[in-house]
């Protein structure tokens, strides 16, 4: 009953029993996506996928793989924080602009600021860092790639104009490199001495491919050296060991850790 091109749709609560049956592998993959990729699934598609998720559940009713998505979990190795309040409307507009390669306008409140400012955004990708969603993008006519926290974005509007992508930009390469770093100062050769129990996990999950492991002080301590990026995540990780770790090199990082320890002592006096 609409104008050309004519179309058709399923009625709400339609019976999908006549659809091609999903295999167990397909069903498990779909339900895992529903459980663990909820924040990355486009809002506009979520309702459309509901009958498919129902079909996946039915396909596994008599299978040994039933409830596999409820018996698997992904846990963070750091403290889990409650996610910030994020507007579903903003997320939907961002997802649509990203999918259609269109520019966005909106207002963004920078970290530490009380007011928001108008921005023109060229979306490049979405990433989830802990409990926070970020939009990877460029702003205005600049070519440097930025990350905007979605909960600080408001009044977004998708524009008709196409967005611009920096020359040779590849989202997967970006996430594997600069995108995963926080305020990186470049690579360093890190040398640390751990209490033996604190270092044990680095046997199975090394810091880098060139990590070296040396037992010292009769095995009571372990000296670990590795080439790593000196960014904020590394420093938070090091400080989390407290008195179980001593940074030996580089000297600049050792001095920083010493200063932090002095300030901690002053606080706890």
Protein backbone atom coordinates (compact mmCIF):
# COMPACT_ATOMS: atom_id res chain seq x y z
CA UNK A 1 0.00 0.00 0.00
CA UNK A 2 2.97 2.30 -0.42
CA UNK A 3 4.29 4.05 -3.52
CA UNK A 4 6.77 2.39 -5.85
CA UNK A 5 8.95 0.50 -5.28
CA UNK A 6 6.37 -1.74 -3.62
CA UNK A 7 7.56 -3.83 -0.71
CA UNK A 8 6.48 -6.36 1.84
CA UNK A 9 7.33 -7.14 5.48
CA UNK A 10 6.72 -9.76 8.13
CA UNK A 11 3.88 -9.06 10.53
CA UNK A 12 4.81 -8.62 14.17
CA UNK A 13 5.11 -12.01 15.93
CA UNK A 14 5.14 -13.77 12.55
CA UNK A 15 5.81 -17.50 12.53
CA UNK A 16 9.26 -18.20 11.11
CA UNK A 17 9.05 -21.99 11.25
CA UNK A 18 9.21 -22.19 7.44
CA UNK A 19 12.57 -20.41 7.26
CA UNK A 20 15.65 -22.46 6.32
CA UNK A 21 16.79 -24.12 9.54
CA UNK A 22 19.90 -22.70 11.14
CA UNK A 23 22.76 -25.09 11.88
CA UNK A 24 24.08 -25.45 15.42
CA UNK A 25 27.24 -23.54 14.47
CA UNK A 26 25.23 -20.66 13.01
CA UNK A 27 22.94 -20.55 16.03
CA UNK A 28 25.76 -20.51 18.58
CA UNK A 29 27.56 -17.73 16.65
CA UNK A 30 24.39 -15.61 16.51
CA UNK A 31 23.61 -15.98 20.21
CA UNK A 32 27.21 -15.24 21.21
CA UNK A 33 27.00 -12.07 19.13
CA UNK A 34 23.75 -11.13 20.86
CA UNK A 35 25.30 -11.66 24.32
CA UNK A 36 28.80 -10.28 23.92
CA UNK A 37 28.59 -7.75 21.07
CA UNK A 38 25.44 -5.97 22.19
CA UNK A 39 27.09 -2.51 22.25
CA UNK A 40 28.51 -2.93 18.76
CA UNK A 41 25.36 -4.18 17.04
CA UNK A 42 23.66 -1.30 15.18
CA UNK A 43 20.51 -0.22 17.03
CA UNK A 44 18.62 0.02 13.74
CA UNK A 45 19.21 -3.70 13.15
CA UNK A 46 18.53 -5.03 16.64
CA UNK A 47 14.74 -5.32 16.22
CA UNK A 48 15.13 -6.89 12.78
CA UNK A 49 17.42 -9.54 14.25
CA UNK A 50 15.03 -10.54 17.04
CA UNK A 51 13.25 -13.26 14.97
CA UNK A 52 16.62 -14.65 13.89
CA UNK A 53 17.80 -14.85 17.51
CA UNK A 54 14.54 -16.64 18.38
CA UNK A 55 15.14 -19.09 15.53
CA UNK A 56 18.68 -19.70 16.81
CA UNK A 57 17.35 -20.49 20.29
CA UNK A 58 14.82 -22.95 18.87
CA UNK A 59 17.46 -24.61 16.68
CA UNK A 60 19.50 -25.42 19.79
CA UNK A 61 16.59 -26.66 21.94
CA UNK A 62 17.56 -30.33 21.62
CA UNK A 63 21.26 -29.73 21.02
CA UNK A 64 24.13 -30.12 23.44
CA UNK A 65 25.02 -26.55 22.57
CA UNK A 66 21.86 -25.16 24.13
CA UNK A 67 22.57 -22.14 26.39
CA UNK A 68 26.23 -22.02 25.30
CA UNK A 69 25.99 -18.22 25.22
CA UNK A 70 24.82 -18.31 28.87
CA UNK A 71 27.71 -20.56 29.92
CA UNK A 72 30.47 -18.40 28.46
CA UNK A 73 31.63 -14.95 29.57
CA UNK A 74 34.21 -12.29 28.82
CA UNK A 75 35.68 -10.63 31.91
CA UNK A 76 37.96 -7.63 32.10
CA UNK A 77 41.35 -8.07 33.77
CA UNK A 78 40.99 -4.59 35.26
CA UNK A 79 38.43 -3.07 37.63
CA UNK A 80 35.04 -2.94 35.89
CA UNK A 81 33.37 0.46 36.11
CA UNK A 82 29.72 1.24 35.50
CA UNK A 83 29.21 2.55 31.95
CA UNK A 84 28.46 6.27 31.57
CA UNK A 85 25.00 7.42 30.56
CA UNK A 86 24.91 7.49 26.76
CA UNK A 87 22.03 8.69 24.60
CA UNK A 88 20.62 5.84 22.43
CA UNK A 89 19.59 8.48 19.88
CA UNK A 90 23.17 9.76 19.62
CA UNK A 91 24.47 6.21 19.19
CA UNK A 92 21.89 5.46 16.49
CA UNK A 93 22.77 8.63 14.53
CA UNK A 94 26.49 7.87 14.83
CA UNK A 95 26.01 4.27 13.66
CA UNK A 96 23.93 5.41 10.67
CA UNK A 97 26.46 8.09 9.62
CA UNK A 98 29.31 5.58 9.94
CA UNK A 99 27.45 2.95 7.89
CA UNK A 100 26.55 5.42 5.12
CA UNK A 101 29.92 7.23 5.17
CA UNK A 102 28.34 10.59 5.91
CA UNK A 103 29.57 13.46 8.03
CA UNK A 104 28.05 14.38 11.38
CA UNK A 105 27.42 17.61 13.20
CA UNK A 106 26.91 17.87 16.92
CA UNK A 107 28.16 19.32 20.18
CA UNK A 108 31.04 17.75 22.12
CA UNK A 109 32.12 18.33 25.71
CA UNK A 110 35.85 17.80 26.13
CA UNK A 111 37.12 15.95 29.20
CA UNK A 112 37.28 18.31 32.17
CA UNK A 113 35.10 20.94 30.48
CA UNK A 114 31.66 22.03 31.68
CA UNK A 115 30.44 23.26 28.30
CA UNK A 116 30.12 21.64 24.89
CA UNK A 117 31.21 23.10 21.55
CA UNK A 118 29.89 22.56 18.01
CA UNK A 119 31.88 20.09 15.92
CA UNK A 120 31.83 18.68 12.40
CA UNK A 121 32.78 15.01 12.49
CA UNK A 122 33.99 12.57 9.83
CA UNK A 123 33.32 9.09 11.34
CA UNK A 124 35.91 6.35 10.79
CA UNK A 125 34.94 3.60 13.25
CA UNK A 126 33.63 2.65 16.70
CA UNK A 127 35.64 1.09 19.50
CA UNK A 128 34.81 -0.08 22.99
CA UNK A 129 37.44 0.58 25.66
CA UNK A 130 36.29 -0.97 28.92
CA UNK A 131 32.87 0.50 29.72
CA UNK A 132 33.21 3.49 27.38
CA UNK A 133 32.34 3.68 23.68
CA UNK A 134 34.48 5.90 21.44
CA UNK A 135 33.98 7.27 17.95
CA UNK A 136 37.20 7.23 15.92
CA UNK A 137 37.05 10.21 13.57
CA UNK A 138 38.56 13.38 12.17
CA UNK A 139 37.18 16.84 12.96
CA UNK A 140 36.41 19.75 10.64
CA UNK A 141 39.08 19.93 7.91
CA UNK A 142 41.88 18.37 9.98
CA UNK A 143 43.41 15.01 9.09
CA UNK A 144 44.64 13.88 12.54
CA UNK A 145 42.61 10.96 13.89
CA UNK A 146 40.79 11.53 17.17
CA UNK A 147 38.70 9.50 19.62
CA UNK A 148 35.49 11.07 20.98
CA UNK A 149 33.72 9.54 23.99
CA UNK A 150 30.12 8.99 22.86
CA UNK A 151 28.63 9.89 26.25
CA UNK A 152 30.04 13.42 25.84
CA UNK A 153 28.48 13.87 22.40
CA UNK A 154 25.03 15.43 21.98
CA UNK A 155 22.69 17.04 19.44
CA UNK A 156 24.07 14.86 16.64
CA UNK A 157 22.71 15.13 13.12
CA UNK A 158 23.61 13.04 10.09
CA UNK A 159 24.36 15.24 7.08
CA UNK A 160 23.85 14.55 3.38
CA UNK A 161 27.51 15.23 2.58
CA UNK A 162 29.95 12.34 2.42
CA UNK A 163 32.57 12.04 5.14
CA UNK A 164 36.29 12.19 4.41
CA UNK A 165 38.80 9.46 5.19
CA UNK A 166 42.51 10.33 5.58
CA UNK A 167 44.73 8.96 2.85
CA UNK A 168 45.94 5.38 3.53
CA UNK A 169 43.84 5.16 6.73
CA UNK A 170 42.91 1.61 7.71
CA UNK A 171 40.74 1.14 10.79
CA UNK A 172 42.07 -2.33 11.70
CA UNK A 173 45.68 -1.14 11.41
CA UNK A 174 44.86 1.93 13.50
CA UNK A 175 43.30 -0.15 16.29
CA UNK A 176 46.28 -2.51 16.29
CA UNK A 177 48.67 0.46 16.60
CA UNK A 178 47.99 4.03 17.71
CA UNK A 179 44.34 3.39 18.49
CA UNK A 180 45.00 1.11 21.45
CA UNK A 181 47.49 3.48 23.10
CA UNK A 182 46.77 6.22 25.62
CA UNK A 183 49.11 9.22 25.42
CA UNK A 184 51.99 7.12 24.11
CA UNK A 185 55.53 8.45 24.51
CA UNK A 186 57.02 5.86 22.20
CA UNK A 187 58.63 2.42 22.67
CA UNK A 188 61.02 1.74 25.57
CA UNK A 189 63.09 -1.17 26.82
CA UNK A 190 61.43 -1.82 30.17
CA UNK A 191 63.40 -3.62 32.90
CA UNK A 192 61.52 -4.55 36.11
CA UNK A 193 62.18 -6.69 39.15
CA UNK A 194 59.13 -8.50 40.53
CA UNK A 195 58.49 -10.54 43.60
CA UNK A 196 58.33 -14.04 42.11
CA UNK A 197 54.57 -14.66 42.67
CA UNK A 198 53.68 -11.29 41.08
CA UNK A 199 55.63 -12.13 37.91
CA UNK A 200 54.30 -15.66 37.45
CA UNK A 201 51.53 -14.69 35.00
CA UNK A 202 54.14 -13.20 32.64
CA UNK A 203 55.43 -16.72 31.91
CA UNK A 204 52.21 -17.54 30.05
CA UNK A 205 51.24 -14.02 28.91
CA UNK A 206 54.50 -12.17 28.14
CA UNK A 207 54.70 -8.41 27.74
CA UNK A 208 56.22 -8.71 24.27
CA UNK A 209 57.73 -11.21 21.82
CA UNK A 210 61.26 -10.25 22.97
CA UNK A 211 60.57 -10.59 26.72
CA UNK A 212 63.47 -11.98 28.77
CA UNK A 213 63.06 -13.68 32.16
CA UNK A 214 65.89 -14.01 34.70
CA UNK A 215 65.64 -15.37 38.24
CA UNK A 216 67.60 -13.34 40.80
CA UNK A 217 68.12 -13.43 44.57
CA UNK A 218 67.83 -17.20 44.64
CA UNK A 219 64.55 -17.17 42.71
CA UNK A 220 62.78 -14.90 45.19
CA UNK A 221 62.63 -12.16 42.56
CA UNK A 222 62.34 -12.15 38.78
CA UNK A 223 63.93 -9.61 36.46
CA UNK A 224 61.77 -9.12 33.37
CA UNK A 225 62.81 -7.04 30.36
CA UNK A 226 60.67 -6.31 27.29
CA UNK A 227 60.12 -3.73 24.57
CA UNK A 228 56.80 -1.98 25.25
CA UNK A 229 54.97 1.27 24.52
CA UNK A 230 55.37 3.85 27.27
CA UNK A 231 51.77 5.03 27.61
CA UNK A 232 49.30 5.66 30.42
CA UNK A 233 48.06 2.05 30.45
CA UNK A 234 51.59 0.79 31.08
CA UNK A 235 52.09 3.20 33.96
CA UNK A 236 48.76 2.29 35.58
CA UNK A 237 49.67 -1.38 35.23
CA UNK A 238 53.09 -0.89 36.84
CA UNK A 239 51.70 1.12 39.74
CA UNK A 240 49.11 -1.57 40.39
CA UNK A 241 51.85 -3.91 41.68
CA UNK A 242 52.80 -1.52 44.50
CA UNK A 243 55.75 -2.79 46.53
CA UNK A 244 55.90 -6.08 44.58
CA UNK A 245 57.67 -4.38 41.67
CA UNK A 246 60.74 -2.20 41.14
CA UNK A 247 61.30 -0.41 37.82
CA UNK A 248 65.01 -0.54 36.97
CA UNK A 249 65.00 1.08 33.52
CA UNK A 250 64.56 3.37 31.76
CA UNK A 251 65.80 5.89 34.33
CA UNK A 252 63.11 8.46 33.51
CA UNK A 253 60.35 5.95 34.29
CA UNK A 254 62.18 4.76 37.42
CA UNK A 255 62.34 8.35 38.68
CA UNK A 256 58.64 8.79 37.98
CA UNK A 257 57.81 5.68 40.02
CA UNK A 258 60.04 6.92 42.86
CA UNK A 259 58.23 10.28 42.88
CA UNK A 260 54.85 8.54 42.93
CA UNK A 261 55.99 6.39 45.88
CA UNK A 262 57.14 9.50 47.78
CA UNK A 263 53.78 11.17 47.24
CA UNK A 264 51.96 8.03 48.39
CA UNK A 265 54.04 7.93 51.58
CA UNK A 266 53.18 11.59 52.24
CA UNK A 267 49.47 10.87 51.78
CA UNK A 268 49.46 7.84 54.11
CA UNK A 269 51.35 9.58 56.88
